[in-house]
Amino acid sequence: MIHDGTTYEITGPKDAPTVVLIHGLGLTRAVWQWLLPDLTKFRVLTYDLIGHGETAPPEGDPTLKDLSDQLAHLLDHLQIDKAAIVGFSLGGMIARRFAQDYRDRTTALVVLHSAHQRTEKQQGAILYRVDQARDHGPEATVELALQRWYTEAAQAQRPDLMDLTRSWILANKREVYVKLYRILAHGVDEIVAPNPPLTVPTLVLTGDEDHGNNPDMSIAIATEIPRARLVILKGLRHMALAEDPAAVNRPVVAFLTEVLR
């Protein structure tokens, strides 16, 4: 289904609590295929971000606030007043921005493998990748992304998973991809140390080998949100939700089941 250029799917019992799943940079709503089978008790909304998948490209240069508003407008269209927001990577940044912009509409927050304030070295590394994407498109970043996102074992033993992830990234148009990449690089400043602090029930999760969205970042995110829960997965990297779905699904589903009763 499409509303105002945004392609989305909604499944599950109409009277159940709503859970929104927001994918990461260069991906599509299809990245949630491993989590959806465990969320059947909820009303689940997935959608493609601006300029991703089957959703229309942005007009001008979008901001993190624009991505937050994209979700708000979609919820308005679907007449959904409140929802739990689950965001992966860039989606986790959008989820936090949405929770700040629309506090009374956010019932819970799940932040998966998402960035916090970077060191000068870390910021330099992501800005270098933005320049690569600007000059050469997603082709310039995809192979190193697969190395950062998956363990050596998955890279060697799961060519199907590598091919699928590669196909998602390479489907992006260079001029759009770089615009969203800039949000990933610069948008963190908008969501660090919100004032007043977020108070919504929150789960923060990453892998101990996810160096771009590392445990220190997740600890910092959780520290800023009173009573936030923190999960650090052992031996997993950025795309743990695809490489080892059970490891991610267990804590996420348990948390949502508890707080959305």
Protein backbone atom coordinates (compact mmCIF):
# COMPACT_ATOMS: atom_id res chain seq x y z
CA MET A 1 0.00 0.00 0.00
CA ILE A 2 1.10 3.58 -0.63
CA HIS A 3 0.26 6.85 1.12
CA ASP A 4 1.73 10.19 0.02
CA GLY A 5 4.61 8.37 -1.66
CA THR A 6 5.37 6.09 1.30
CA THR A 7 5.03 2.36 0.67
CA TYR A 8 3.96 0.37 3.72
CA GLU A 9 2.49 -2.89 4.99
CA ILE A 10 0.40 -3.43 8.12
CA THR A 11 -0.39 -6.84 9.57
CA GLY A 12 -1.73 -8.44 12.71
CA PRO A 13 -4.85 -8.13 14.86
CA LYS A 14 -6.54 -4.74 14.50
CA ASP A 15 -7.20 -4.49 18.23
CA ALA A 16 -3.63 -5.31 19.27
CA PRO A 17 -0.99 -2.74 20.28
CA THR A 18 0.79 -1.24 17.29
CA VAL A 19 4.51 -1.79 16.73
CA VAL A 20 6.34 0.19 14.02
CA LEU A 21 9.55 -1.21 12.51
CA ILE A 22 11.98 1.29 10.90
CA HIS A 23 14.81 -0.09 8.74
CA GLY A 24 18.32 1.28 8.29
CA LEU A 25 20.20 3.17 5.61
CA GLY A 26 20.25 1.57 2.18
CA LEU A 27 17.84 -1.19 3.19
CA THR A 28 14.07 -1.67 2.89
CA ARG A 29 11.21 -2.90 5.05
CA ALA A 30 12.17 -6.41 3.87
CA VAL A 31 14.94 -6.41 6.49
CA TRP A 32 12.28 -7.21 9.09
CA GLN A 33 11.44 -10.58 7.53
CA TRP A 34 13.25 -12.38 10.36
CA LEU A 35 11.46 -10.55 13.18
CA LEU A 36 7.91 -10.41 11.81
CA PRO A 37 7.09 -14.10 12.43
CA ASP A 38 7.61 -13.51 16.17
CA LEU A 39 5.37 -10.42 16.33
CA THR A 40 2.07 -11.95 15.28
CA LYS A 41 0.34 -10.93 18.51
CA PHE A 42 0.88 -7.25 17.63
CA ARG A 43 -0.41 -4.91 14.93
CA VAL A 44 2.82 -4.35 12.98
CA LEU A 45 3.58 -1.51 10.57
CA THR A 46 6.60 -1.67 8.27
CA TYR A 47 7.41 0.92 5.62
CA ASP A 48 10.18 2.10 3.31
CA LEU A 49 11.99 5.27 4.31
CA ILE A 50 12.06 8.28 2.01
CA GLY A 51 14.10 7.38 -1.07
CA HIS A 52 14.32 3.69 -0.17
CA GLY A 53 12.64 0.62 -1.60
CA GLU A 54 9.34 1.55 -3.21
CA THR A 55 8.95 4.92 -1.45
CA ALA A 56 9.31 8.15 -3.41
CA PRO A 57 12.63 10.04 -3.35
CA PRO A 58 12.99 13.18 -1.23
CA GLU A 59 12.46 16.70 -2.43
CA GLY A 60 15.58 18.64 -1.56
CA ASP A 61 17.81 17.52 1.28
CA PRO A 62 15.86 15.63 3.97
CA THR A 63 16.66 15.90 7.67
CA LEU A 64 16.20 13.53 10.59
CA LYS A 65 13.11 15.57 11.51
CA ASP A 66 11.69 14.91 8.03
CA LEU A 67 12.11 11.17 8.58
CA SER A 68 10.38 11.46 11.95
CA ASP A 69 7.53 13.40 10.34
CA GLN A 70 7.23 10.79 7.57
CA LEU A 71 6.23 8.26 10.21
CA ALA A 72 3.88 10.69 11.98
CA HIS A 73 2.04 11.41 8.73
CA LEU A 74 1.73 7.70 7.99
CA LEU A 75 0.31 7.04 11.46
CA ASP A 76 -2.16 9.89 10.94
CA HIS A 77 -3.29 8.34 7.65
CA LEU A 78 -3.79 4.96 9.35
CA GLN A 79 -5.56 6.60 12.30
CA ILE A 80 -3.05 5.15 14.75
CA ASP A 81 -2.72 7.39 17.79
CA LYS A 82 0.14 5.61 19.55
CA ALA A 83 2.74 2.99 18.76
CA ALA A 84 5.87 1.28 19.99
CA ILE A 85 8.75 2.30 17.75
CA VAL A 86 11.51 -0.17 16.85
CA GLY A 87 14.40 1.25 14.85
CA PHE A 88 17.52 -0.36 13.41
CA SER A 89 20.67 1.74 12.75
CA LEU A 90 19.45 4.93 11.01
CA GLY A 91 15.99 3.69 11.96
CA GLY A 92 17.08 3.79 15.60
CA MET A 93 17.99 7.45 15.19
CA ILE A 94 14.60 8.12 13.61
CA ALA A 95 12.89 6.24 16.44
CA ARG A 96 14.60 8.43 19.05
CA ARG A 97 13.79 11.59 17.12
CA PHE A 98 10.15 10.48 16.83
CA ALA A 99 10.02 9.76 20.56
CA GLN A 100 11.28 13.30 21.20
CA ASP A 101 8.96 14.96 18.67
CA TYR A 102 5.86 12.90 19.49
CA ARG A 103 6.23 11.90 23.13
CA ASP A 104 2.51 11.32 23.65
CA ARG A 105 2.36 8.99 20.64
CA THR A 106 5.25 6.71 21.67
CA THR A 107 4.36 3.77 23.90
CA ALA A 108 7.79 2.08 23.87
CA LEU A 109 11.15 2.45 22.18
CA VAL A 110 13.56 -0.21 20.88
CA VAL A 111 16.90 1.05 19.57
CA LEU A 112 18.88 -1.59 17.65
CA HIS A 113 22.52 -1.12 16.61
CA SER A 114 22.26 2.66 16.48
CA ALA A 115 24.72 5.50 16.80
CA HIS A 116 25.39 7.95 19.59
CA GLN A 117 27.97 10.70 19.75
CA ARG A 118 31.05 9.64 17.77
CA THR A 119 34.70 10.25 18.47
CA GLU A 120 36.60 12.44 16.02
CA LYS A 121 38.07 9.31 14.43
CA GLN A 122 34.68 7.61 14.13
CA GLN A 123 33.12 10.73 12.60
CA GLY A 124 35.97 11.01 10.13
CA ALA A 125 35.42 7.41 9.04
CA ILE A 126 31.73 7.88 8.34
CA LEU A 127 32.32 11.18 6.53
CA TYR A 128 34.84 9.37 4.32
CA ARG A 129 32.14 6.83 3.42
CA VAL A 130 29.70 9.64 2.68
CA ASP A 131 32.23 11.10 0.25
CA GLN A 132 32.69 7.68 -1.36
CA ALA A 133 28.93 7.33 -1.79
CA ARG A 134 28.71 10.83 -3.25
CA ASP A 135 31.48 10.23 -5.77
CA HIS A 136 30.89 6.59 -6.70
CA GLY A 137 27.51 5.50 -5.35
CA PRO A 138 26.66 2.57 -3.07
CA GLU A 139 28.96 0.32 -5.09
CA ALA A 140 31.89 2.04 -3.40
CA THR A 141 30.76 1.16 0.13
CA VAL A 142 28.91 -2.13 -0.13
CA GLU A 143 31.73 -4.67 0.21
CA LEU A 144 33.28 -3.02 3.25
CA ALA A 145 29.78 -2.67 4.70
CA LEU A 146 29.27 -6.43 4.46
CA GLN A 147 32.55 -6.93 6.33
CA ARG A 148 31.48 -4.54 9.08
CA TRP A 149 27.95 -5.89 9.28
CA TYR A 150 28.53 -9.66 9.36
CA THR A 151 30.96 -11.91 11.21
CA GLU A 152 33.68 -13.73 9.27
CA ALA A 153 31.71 -16.96 9.66
CA ALA A 154 28.59 -15.49 8.07
CA GLN A 155 30.61 -13.94 5.26
CA ALA A 156 32.13 -17.35 4.48
CA GLN A 157 29.12 -19.60 5.07
CA ARG A 158 26.09 -17.48 4.06
CA PRO A 159 26.59 -16.29 0.47
CA ASP A 160 22.81 -16.09 0.16
CA LEU A 161 22.67 -13.55 2.97
CA MET A 162 25.57 -11.57 1.50
CA ASP A 163 23.89 -11.50 -1.91
CA LEU A 164 20.56 -10.41 -0.45
CA THR A 165 22.07 -7.60 1.59
CA ARG A 166 24.26 -6.51 -1.33
CA SER A 167 21.21 -6.38 -3.61
CA TRP A 168 19.36 -4.08 -1.19
CA ILE A 169 22.25 -1.65 -1.00
CA LEU A 170 23.03 -1.63 -4.72
CA ALA A 171 19.39 -0.88 -5.55
CA ASN A 172 19.82 2.63 -4.12
CA LYS A 173 20.29 5.60 -6.43
CA ARG A 174 23.51 7.47 -5.76
CA GLU A 175 21.99 10.95 -5.46
CA VAL A 176 19.39 9.76 -2.95
CA TYR A 177 21.64 7.39 -1.02
CA VAL A 178 24.15 10.10 -0.21
CA LYS A 179 21.44 12.44 1.06
CA LEU A 180 20.30 9.84 3.58
CA TYR A 181 23.89 8.89 4.40
CA ARG A 182 24.47 12.52 5.45
CA ILE A 183 21.62 12.19 7.94
CA LEU A 184 23.29 9.11 9.41
CA ALA A 185 26.53 11.07 9.71
CA HIS A 186 25.19 14.34 11.09
CA GLY A 187 21.79 13.61 12.63
CA VAL A 188 23.12 12.23 15.92
CA ASP A 189 23.54 15.74 17.30
CA GLU A 190 19.75 16.17 17.20
CA ILE A 191 19.09 13.25 19.55
CA VAL A 192 21.92 13.36 22.07
CA ALA A 193 20.92 14.38 25.61
CA PRO A 194 17.28 15.27 24.90
CA ASN A 195 15.85 17.90 27.22
CA PRO A 196 13.63 16.91 28.88
CA PRO A 197 14.90 13.32 28.88
CA LEU A 198 12.86 10.58 27.28
CA THR A 199 10.89 8.58 29.84
CA VAL A 200 9.25 5.98 27.60
CA PRO A 201 10.04 2.29 28.31
CA THR A 202 13.16 1.59 26.25
CA LEU A 203 15.33 -1.31 25.15
CA VAL A 204 18.76 -0.60 23.65
CA LEU A 205 20.61 -3.43 21.89
CA THR A 206 23.81 -3.89 19.88
CA GLY A 207 26.50 -6.48 19.20
CA ASP A 208 29.87 -6.48 20.89
CA GLU A 209 31.53 -6.64 17.45
CA ASP A 210 29.41 -3.84 15.94
CA HIS A 211 32.20 -1.30 15.89
CA GLY A 212 30.25 1.42 14.09
CA ASN A 213 27.41 1.28 16.62
CA ASN A 214 29.39 -0.12 19.51
CA PRO A 215 28.49 -1.06 23.09
CA ASP A 216 29.79 2.27 24.41
CA MET A 217 27.27 4.06 22.20
CA SER A 218 24.42 1.83 23.34
CA ILE A 219 25.45 2.32 26.96
CA ALA A 220 25.38 6.09 26.40
CA ILE A 221 21.93 5.93 24.79
CA ALA A 222 20.57 3.81 27.64
CA THR A 223 22.15 6.04 30.27
CA GLU A 224 20.26 9.07 28.93
CA ILE A 225 16.88 7.33 29.25
CA PRO A 226 15.79 6.52 32.81
CA ARG A 227 15.34 2.78 33.45
CA ALA A 228 16.28 1.86 29.87
CA ARG A 229 17.31 -1.76 29.43
CA LEU A 230 20.55 -2.67 27.72
CA VAL A 231 21.45 -5.84 25.81
CA ILE A 232 24.90 -6.47 24.31
CA LEU A 233 24.97 -9.56 22.09
CA LYS A 234 28.17 -11.57 22.15
CA GLY A 235 30.00 -12.38 18.93
CA LEU A 236 27.67 -10.48 16.61
CA ARG A 237 27.98 -7.43 14.41
CA HIS A 238 25.64 -4.88 12.85
CA MET A 239 23.26 -7.22 11.01
CA ALA A 240 22.67 -9.56 13.92
CA LEU A 241 18.93 -9.43 13.16
CA ALA A 242 19.67 -11.32 9.91
CA GLU A 243 22.67 -13.41 10.93
CA ASP A 244 21.21 -14.69 14.22
CA PRO A 245 17.54 -13.67 14.35
CA ALA A 246 16.79 -15.57 17.55
CA ALA A 247 19.44 -13.64 19.48
CA VAL A 248 17.73 -10.37 18.58
CA ASN A 249 14.13 -11.52 18.56
CA ARG A 250 14.14 -13.01 22.06
CA PRO A 251 14.91 -9.81 23.99
CA VAL A 252 12.89 -7.60 21.64
CA VAL A 253 9.73 -9.72 21.76
CA ALA A 254 10.04 -10.27 25.52
CA PHE A 255 10.37 -6.53 26.09
CA LEU A 256 7.44 -5.58 23.86
CA THR A 257 5.25 -8.30 25.35
CA GLU A 258 5.96 -7.01 28.85
CA VAL A 259 5.56 -3.26 28.30
CA LEU A 260 2.62 -3.38 25.85
CA ARG A 261 0.34 -5.55 28.00
